[in-house]
């Protein structure tokens, strides 16, 4: 029995999206910038897909800029705004951002920009008053992740965006984990820039988008032919864009039933592991991604067993046929603690033990119950001196 529970890393491409891609590869393969019939067939696919993706977040089609994925969309938002200024300014991000935001911020800091990293509480949430206090006269951009991929916490985006907008500051949201799982309406939310990724909701890998509110000024990262309204030069990858568009269209239809189903399964898995004292739930149980379950391993006081890391649990679960993810990273052979858990106040030892189980369209109740059983068995085997948990 094999169970995939790493849907926040990537999702299997839907057959409808694959069919849309195949149609482009075999029938609509022209260059969308060409004026002849072959090019115009491709251009029609491109603009239809742009409308499909725009509809997912209730945006005008012309506000969608196709990219190679969420990382490029995040980089385009941060660096595209920064390059509009001839002198360093002030940027605000949260302390639990994805590296696609944190690394560009680090680079800007090296170039003389001032970067404020907002603290989070023990559940991983930013407090709006902290954003209010961090704003300076030269603050030009605030970027806050909507749904944190490692701990599942949803940020108070509306409250944060209102504060930024009241001060005339651009507000960017990394919605890679949220789009296709929770409805987003950029017409009512105070958002100026928003990042999307196709393969997080059953579209193909290698495609994403940046929503830029009409009137927002950006400098392109790539120049050349002037594609994507001159924001992102380069011949568009029409096949994956077509798959992206189809996945977005289907996500809109599915969210009505799929989101509450995932919430029910998510809570069942949390409850199924609630009697394991060493597994500490991480993130906010209320303000949470619907498909996301996460823990950190924290040995009971007095246990003499060696530390169990998230990587160890991932490997052991994989041997049992279950795919999950860990938050800690391995650099040059040395395991480093999760910066997200550290930002939330966990100590380094505990921050090495983070795991994430994320659910999807193919996950059912049998998968959930078997996963809880297997994880308990693994923990019993790995810590023979600890208290035996019920299974």
Protein backbone atom coordinates (compact mmCIF):
# COMPACT_ATOMS: atom_id res chain seq x y z
CA UNK A 1 0.00 0.00 0.00
CA UNK A 2 1.45 3.32 -1.06
CA UNK A 3 0.13 6.66 0.17
CA UNK A 4 1.32 10.04 -1.11
CA UNK A 5 0.98 12.77 1.52
CA UNK A 6 3.21 15.51 0.13
CA UNK A 7 0.71 17.53 -1.90
CA UNK A 8 2.24 20.80 -0.71
CA UNK A 9 5.44 19.83 -2.52
CA UNK A 10 3.69 18.98 -5.76
CA UNK A 11 0.46 17.45 -7.03
CA UNK A 12 -0.11 14.93 -9.84
CA UNK A 13 -1.14 16.63 -13.07
CA UNK A 14 -4.84 16.17 -13.82
CA UNK A 15 -5.73 14.20 -16.91
CA UNK A 16 -7.73 17.18 -18.22
CA UNK A 17 -4.66 19.38 -17.93
CA UNK A 18 -2.55 16.75 -19.69
CA UNK A 19 -5.13 16.61 -22.49
CA UNK A 20 -4.97 20.40 -22.84
CA UNK A 21 -1.19 20.21 -23.06
CA UNK A 22 -1.31 17.42 -25.65
CA UNK A 23 -3.67 19.45 -27.81
CA UNK A 24 -1.17 22.31 -27.88
CA UNK A 25 1.80 20.05 -28.58
CA UNK A 26 0.07 18.38 -31.50
CA UNK A 27 -2.25 21.04 -32.92
CA UNK A 28 -1.52 24.53 -31.52
CA UNK A 29 2.27 24.51 -31.30
CA UNK A 30 2.91 27.84 -33.04
CA UNK A 31 4.75 30.82 -31.59
CA UNK A 32 2.06 33.02 -30.05
CA UNK A 33 3.94 36.17 -31.17
CA UNK A 34 3.66 35.19 -34.84
CA UNK A 35 0.96 36.84 -36.95
CA UNK A 36 0.15 33.87 -39.18
CA UNK A 37 -2.52 31.25 -38.51
CA UNK A 38 -0.24 28.89 -36.57
CA UNK A 39 0.85 31.69 -34.27
CA UNK A 40 -2.66 32.95 -33.74
CA UNK A 41 -3.91 29.51 -32.76
CA UNK A 42 -1.28 29.50 -30.04
CA UNK A 43 -2.14 33.07 -29.05
CA UNK A 44 -5.78 32.07 -28.62
CA UNK A 45 -4.74 29.30 -26.23
CA UNK A 46 -2.50 31.73 -24.34
CA UNK A 47 -5.23 34.29 -23.76
CA UNK A 48 -7.85 31.69 -22.91
CA UNK A 49 -5.48 30.29 -20.29
CA UNK A 50 -4.79 33.78 -18.97
CA UNK A 51 -8.53 34.27 -18.47
CA UNK A 52 -8.85 30.90 -16.72
CA UNK A 53 -6.06 31.71 -14.27
CA UNK A 54 -7.40 35.24 -13.72
CA UNK A 55 -10.83 33.82 -12.92
CA UNK A 56 -9.30 31.69 -10.13
CA UNK A 57 -8.55 34.87 -8.14
CA UNK A 58 -11.25 37.11 -9.70
CA UNK A 59 -8.71 39.30 -11.48
CA UNK A 60 -8.79 40.99 -14.89
CA UNK A 61 -6.93 38.82 -17.45
CA UNK A 62 -4.48 41.60 -18.30
CA UNK A 63 -3.20 41.54 -14.72
CA UNK A 64 -1.81 37.98 -15.06
CA UNK A 65 1.88 37.63 -15.98
CA UNK A 66 2.93 34.07 -16.74
CA UNK A 67 6.22 32.89 -15.21
CA UNK A 68 8.16 29.64 -14.87
CA UNK A 69 6.68 29.03 -11.42
CA UNK A 70 6.06 30.43 -7.96
CA UNK A 71 9.72 31.18 -7.30
CA UNK A 72 10.02 33.42 -10.34
CA UNK A 73 6.71 35.10 -9.49
CA UNK A 74 7.97 35.85 -5.96
CA UNK A 75 11.29 37.13 -7.28
CA UNK A 76 9.52 39.25 -9.88
CA UNK A 77 7.39 40.87 -7.19
CA UNK A 78 10.29 41.70 -4.88
CA UNK A 79 12.97 42.59 -7.40
CA UNK A 80 10.54 44.10 -9.90
CA UNK A 81 9.45 46.66 -7.32
CA UNK A 82 13.00 47.20 -6.00
CA UNK A 83 14.36 47.96 -9.46
CA UNK A 84 11.94 50.88 -9.74
CA UNK A 85 14.11 52.78 -7.22
CA UNK A 86 17.55 54.25 -7.87
CA UNK A 87 18.42 54.28 -4.15
CA UNK A 88 17.82 51.66 -1.43
CA UNK A 89 14.46 51.76 0.33
CA UNK A 90 12.74 49.77 3.09
CA UNK A 91 11.13 46.34 2.65
CA UNK A 92 9.00 44.42 5.17
CA UNK A 93 8.57 40.65 5.09
CA UNK A 94 7.55 38.09 7.70
CA UNK A 95 10.03 35.84 9.49
CA UNK A 96 8.30 32.75 8.07
CA UNK A 97 8.58 33.49 4.36
CA UNK A 98 9.42 30.90 1.72
CA UNK A 99 13.02 31.12 0.56
CA UNK A 100 11.79 32.54 -2.76
CA UNK A 101 11.01 35.71 -0.78
CA UNK A 102 13.61 35.48 1.99
CA UNK A 103 16.57 35.11 -0.37
CA UNK A 104 15.75 38.12 -2.61
CA UNK A 105 15.25 40.12 0.59
CA UNK A 106 18.70 39.03 1.77
CA UNK A 107 20.15 40.13 -1.56
CA UNK A 108 18.50 43.53 -1.36
CA UNK A 109 19.92 43.91 2.14
CA UNK A 110 23.41 43.35 0.72
CA UNK A 111 22.67 46.12 -1.78
CA UNK A 112 21.88 48.61 0.99
CA UNK A 113 18.15 48.10 1.43
CA UNK A 114 16.75 47.98 4.95
CA UNK A 115 14.71 44.82 5.55
CA UNK A 116 12.39 44.31 8.52
CA UNK A 117 11.38 40.74 9.29
CA UNK A 118 8.16 40.72 11.27
CA UNK A 119 8.05 38.33 14.24
CA UNK A 120 5.38 35.66 14.54
CA UNK A 121 3.67 34.14 17.55
CA UNK A 122 3.99 30.51 18.63
CA UNK A 123 1.41 29.54 15.99
CA UNK A 124 3.30 31.28 13.20
CA UNK A 125 0.98 34.26 12.81
CA UNK A 126 2.00 37.87 12.21
CA UNK A 127 0.25 40.43 14.39
CA UNK A 128 -1.07 43.40 12.39
CA UNK A 129 0.13 45.84 15.05
CA UNK A 130 3.70 44.66 14.43
CA UNK A 131 3.34 45.59 10.79
CA UNK A 132 1.92 48.99 11.74
CA UNK A 133 4.89 49.63 14.02
CA UNK A 134 7.45 48.54 11.41
CA UNK A 135 6.37 50.96 8.69
CA UNK A 136 8.82 53.75 7.92
CA UNK A 137 8.61 56.79 5.62
CA UNK A 138 10.66 54.92 2.99
CA UNK A 139 8.77 51.61 3.18
CA UNK A 140 7.81 50.72 -0.40
CA UNK A 141 6.74 47.07 -0.19
CA UNK A 142 5.31 44.57 2.29
CA UNK A 143 5.43 40.87 1.40
CA UNK A 144 3.70 38.25 3.57
CA UNK A 145 3.08 34.59 2.75
CA UNK A 146 -0.64 33.71 2.78
CA UNK A 147 -0.38 30.02 3.74
CA UNK A 148 2.91 28.80 5.22
CA UNK A 149 3.98 25.62 3.46
CA UNK A 150 5.76 24.01 6.42
CA UNK A 151 3.36 24.67 9.29
CA UNK A 152 0.08 25.37 7.44
CA UNK A 153 -0.70 28.67 9.16
CA UNK A 154 -2.80 31.24 7.31
CA UNK A 155 -1.89 34.88 7.83
CA UNK A 156 -4.41 37.71 8.45
CA UNK A 157 -3.93 38.94 4.90
CA UNK A 158 -6.91 41.29 4.82
CA UNK A 159 -5.87 43.11 8.00
CA UNK A 160 -2.23 43.34 6.91
CA UNK A 161 -3.17 44.53 3.43
CA UNK A 162 -5.43 47.25 4.81
CA UNK A 163 -2.57 48.62 6.89
CA UNK A 164 -0.23 48.66 3.90
CA UNK A 165 -2.81 50.26 1.63
CA UNK A 166 -3.68 52.94 4.18
CA UNK A 167 -0.03 54.03 4.00
CA UNK A 168 0.21 53.84 0.20
CA UNK A 169 2.58 50.85 0.39
CA UNK A 170 2.46 47.97 -2.10
CA UNK A 171 1.36 44.64 -0.64
CA UNK A 172 2.56 41.33 -2.09
CA UNK A 173 1.16 37.95 -1.11
CA UNK A 174 2.73 34.56 -1.81
CA UNK A 175 -0.45 32.52 -2.35
CA UNK A 176 1.23 29.46 -3.84
CA UNK A 177 -0.15 27.10 -1.17
CA UNK A 178 -3.56 28.77 -0.95
CA UNK A 179 -4.69 29.20 -4.57
CA UNK A 180 -6.94 26.39 -5.71
CA UNK A 181 -7.62 25.35 -2.12
CA UNK A 182 -9.25 28.46 -0.63
CA UNK A 183 -11.17 31.08 -2.66
CA UNK A 184 -9.20 34.28 -3.36
CA UNK A 185 -10.78 37.51 -4.57
CA UNK A 186 -8.27 40.25 -5.38
CA UNK A 187 -11.13 42.64 -6.12
CA UNK A 188 -12.07 42.69 -2.44
CA UNK A 189 -8.74 41.85 -0.76
CA UNK A 190 -6.23 44.74 -0.44
CA UNK A 191 -3.57 42.96 -2.52
CA UNK A 192 -1.36 44.57 -5.18
CA UNK A 193 0.80 41.59 -6.16
CA UNK A 194 0.13 37.87 -5.75
CA UNK A 195 2.12 34.75 -6.69
CA UNK A 196 0.67 31.51 -8.06
CA UNK A 197 2.10 28.11 -8.99
CA UNK A 198 0.44 25.64 -11.35
CA UNK A 199 1.72 22.38 -9.88
CA UNK A 200 0.33 23.09 -6.41
CA UNK A 201 -3.22 22.47 -7.66
CA UNK A 202 -2.86 19.68 -10.23
CA UNK A 203 -1.42 21.66 -13.11
CA UNK A 204 1.96 20.94 -14.71
CA UNK A 205 5.29 21.85 -13.15
CA UNK A 206 7.25 24.69 -14.73
CA UNK A 207 4.51 27.30 -14.84
CA UNK A 208 3.28 30.00 -12.49
CA UNK A 209 1.95 33.53 -12.56
CA UNK A 210 2.23 36.89 -10.89
CA UNK A 211 -0.91 38.96 -10.47
CA UNK A 212 -0.07 42.65 -10.69
CA UNK A 213 -2.91 45.03 -9.93
CA UNK A 214 -3.43 47.36 -12.89
CA UNK A 215 -1.32 50.48 -12.37
CA UNK A 216 1.36 48.79 -10.24
CA UNK A 217 4.81 49.65 -11.58
CA UNK A 218 7.31 46.82 -12.05
CA UNK A 219 10.66 46.57 -13.77
CA UNK A 220 11.13 43.29 -15.68
CA UNK A 221 13.70 40.71 -14.65
CA UNK A 222 13.97 39.43 -18.22
CA UNK A 223 14.14 41.74 -21.24
CA UNK A 224 14.14 40.95 -24.93
CA UNK A 225 11.08 40.35 -27.07
CA UNK A 226 8.65 42.10 -24.73
CA UNK A 227 6.25 39.19 -24.18
CA UNK A 228 3.80 39.21 -21.27
CA UNK A 229 3.03 42.90 -21.62
CA UNK A 230 6.81 43.58 -21.55
CA UNK A 231 7.03 42.26 -17.98
CA UNK A 232 8.57 38.89 -18.87
CA UNK A 233 10.32 38.47 -22.20
CA UNK A 234 10.74 35.06 -23.78
CA UNK A 235 8.52 32.84 -25.90
CA UNK A 236 5.70 31.63 -23.68
CA UNK A 237 5.56 27.91 -22.86
CA UNK A 238 2.07 27.48 -24.29
CA UNK A 239 1.66 23.75 -23.46
CA UNK A 240 2.24 24.15 -19.72
CA UNK A 241 0.30 27.43 -19.67
CA UNK A 242 -2.65 25.57 -21.21
CA UNK A 243 -2.40 22.92 -18.51
CA UNK A 244 -2.19 25.66 -15.87
CA UNK A 245 -5.34 27.28 -17.21
CA UNK A 246 -7.28 24.02 -17.25
CA UNK A 247 -6.18 23.19 -13.69
CA UNK A 248 -7.31 26.64 -12.53
CA UNK A 249 -10.71 26.23 -14.16
CA UNK A 250 -11.24 22.84 -12.54
CA UNK A 251 -10.01 24.07 -9.14
CA UNK A 252 -12.76 26.68 -9.07
CA UNK A 253 -15.40 23.96 -9.55
CA UNK A 254 -13.83 21.52 -7.10
CA UNK A 255 -13.21 23.84 -4.16
CA UNK A 256 -16.87 23.81 -3.10
CA UNK A 257 -16.73 20.13 -2.16
CA UNK A 258 -13.01 19.34 -2.00
CA UNK A 259 -11.99 21.97 0.55
CA UNK A 260 -14.45 20.82 3.28
CA UNK A 261 -13.56 17.18 2.53
CA UNK A 262 -9.87 17.91 3.06
CA UNK A 263 -10.57 19.81 6.27
CA UNK A 264 -12.42 16.77 7.63
CA UNK A 265 -9.55 14.43 6.73
CA UNK A 266 -6.97 16.89 8.06
CA UNK A 267 -8.71 17.05 11.44
CA UNK A 268 -9.10 13.28 11.51
CA UNK A 269 -5.34 12.86 11.15
CA UNK A 270 -4.63 15.42 13.88
CA UNK A 271 -7.09 13.61 16.15
CA UNK A 272 -5.67 10.19 15.25
CA UNK A 273 -2.24 11.25 16.47
CA UNK A 274 -3.41 13.28 19.48
CA UNK A 275 -2.48 10.47 21.89
CA UNK A 276 1.20 10.61 20.93
CA UNK A 277 2.70 13.01 23.48
CA UNK A 278 5.98 13.33 21.55
CA UNK A 279 4.22 14.75 18.48
CA UNK A 280 3.53 18.45 19.04
CA UNK A 281 1.15 19.99 16.46
CA UNK A 282 2.69 23.04 14.79
CA UNK A 283 0.93 26.01 13.29
CA UNK A 284 -2.55 27.38 13.86
CA UNK A 285 -5.31 24.74 14.01
CA UNK A 286 -8.02 27.33 13.24
CA UNK A 287 -6.36 29.61 10.69
CA UNK A 288 -4.93 26.78 8.63
CA UNK A 289 -4.57 25.42 5.12
CA UNK A 290 -7.37 22.87 4.59
CA UNK A 291 -5.07 20.03 3.52
CA UNK A 292 -2.18 20.54 5.93
CA UNK A 293 -1.06 18.57 9.01
CA UNK A 294 2.27 19.24 10.73
CA UNK A 295 4.11 18.26 13.90
CA UNK A 296 7.48 18.53 15.53
CA UNK A 297 8.94 15.62 17.46
CA UNK A 298 9.69 16.55 21.06
CA UNK A 299 10.92 13.72 23.32
CA UNK A 300 9.34 13.49 26.73
CA UNK A 301 11.37 14.83 29.65
CA UNK A 302 13.90 12.32 30.88
CA UNK A 303 14.00 10.18 27.74
CA UNK A 304 17.47 8.92 26.98
CA UNK A 305 16.93 7.92 23.37
CA UNK A 306 18.89 9.77 20.69
CA UNK A 307 17.11 12.66 18.94
CA UNK A 308 14.66 11.67 16.21
CA UNK A 309 14.76 14.16 13.35
CA UNK A 310 12.13 14.94 10.77
CA UNK A 311 14.42 13.50 8.09
CA UNK A 312 14.54 10.21 10.00
CA UNK A 313 10.74 10.03 10.12
CA UNK A 314 10.49 10.84 6.41
CA UNK A 315 12.86 7.97 5.56
CA UNK A 316 11.09 5.52 7.85
CA UNK A 317 7.66 6.46 6.50
CA UNK A 318 8.96 6.10 2.96
CA UNK A 319 10.11 2.56 3.74
CA UNK A 320 6.52 1.91 4.82
CA UNK A 321 5.22 3.26 1.52
CA UNK A 322 4.05 6.65 2.77
CA UNK A 323 5.43 9.90 1.37
CA UNK A 324 5.66 12.85 3.77
CA UNK A 325 8.02 15.84 4.14
CA UNK A 326 10.38 17.36 6.73
CA UNK A 327 11.11 20.98 7.51
CA UNK A 328 14.79 20.73 8.40
CA UNK A 329 17.41 20.87 5.66
CA UNK A 330 20.72 19.13 5.05
CA UNK A 331 23.61 21.34 3.94
CA UNK A 332 27.07 19.83 3.28
CA UNK A 333 26.18 16.78 5.34
CA UNK A 334 25.08 18.77 8.37
CA UNK A 335 21.43 18.83 9.37
CA UNK A 336 20.15 22.33 10.12
CA UNK A 337 16.98 23.16 12.08
CA UNK A 338 13.92 24.60 10.38
CA UNK A 339 14.14 28.42 10.30
CA UNK A 340 10.34 28.54 10.39
CA UNK A 341 10.15 26.60 13.67
CA UNK A 342 13.02 28.65 15.10
CA UNK A 343 11.12 31.84 14.26
CA UNK A 344 8.13 30.44 16.16
CA UNK A 345 10.23 29.99 19.31
CA UNK A 346 11.13 26.30 19.17
CA UNK A 347 14.62 25.32 20.30
CA UNK A 348 17.13 23.96 17.80
CA UNK A 349 16.72 20.33 18.83
CA UNK A 350 12.95 20.44 18.44
CA UNK A 351 13.25 22.41 15.18
CA UNK A 352 15.11 19.43 13.70
CA UNK A 353 12.06 17.24 14.24
CA UNK A 354 9.45 18.95 12.08
CA UNK A 355 7.31 16.87 9.70
CA UNK A 356 4.53 17.77 7.29
CA UNK A 357 1.73 15.58 5.93
CA UNK A 358 -0.34 17.23 3.20
CA UNK A 359 -3.46 15.73 1.68
CA UNK A 360 -4.98 15.82 -1.79
CA UNK A 361 -7.64 14.61 -4.20
CA UNK A 362 -6.61 10.96 -3.92
CA UNK A 363 -6.44 10.90 -0.12
CA UNK A 364 -9.24 9.03 1.65
CA UNK A 365 -10.15 8.03 5.21
CA UNK A 366 -8.40 4.67 4.90
CA UNK A 367 -5.17 6.47 4.00
CA UNK A 368 -5.50 8.73 7.02
CA UNK A 369 -6.12 5.93 9.50
CA UNK A 370 -3.33 3.75 8.11
CA UNK A 371 -0.89 6.67 8.19
CA UNK A 372 -1.65 7.37 11.84
CA UNK A 373 -1.18 3.69 12.68
CA UNK A 374 2.12 3.40 10.81
CA UNK A 375 3.57 6.60 12.27
CA UNK A 376 2.80 5.41 15.79
CA UNK A 377 4.45 2.07 15.09
CA UNK A 378 7.57 3.80 13.75
CA UNK A 379 7.83 6.08 16.77
CA UNK A 380 7.51 3.12 19.12
CA UNK A 381 10.30 1.32 17.30
CA UNK A 382 12.60 4.37 17.21
CA UNK A 383 12.26 5.23 20.89
CA UNK A 384 12.14 1.94 22.81
CA UNK A 385 12.60 3.64 26.18
CA UNK A 386 9.74 6.07 25.75
CA UNK A 387 6.18 5.68 26.92
CA UNK A 388 4.25 3.24 24.74
CA UNK A 389 1.45 4.94 22.87
CA UNK A 390 -1.83 3.28 21.98
CA UNK A 391 -2.40 2.13 18.41
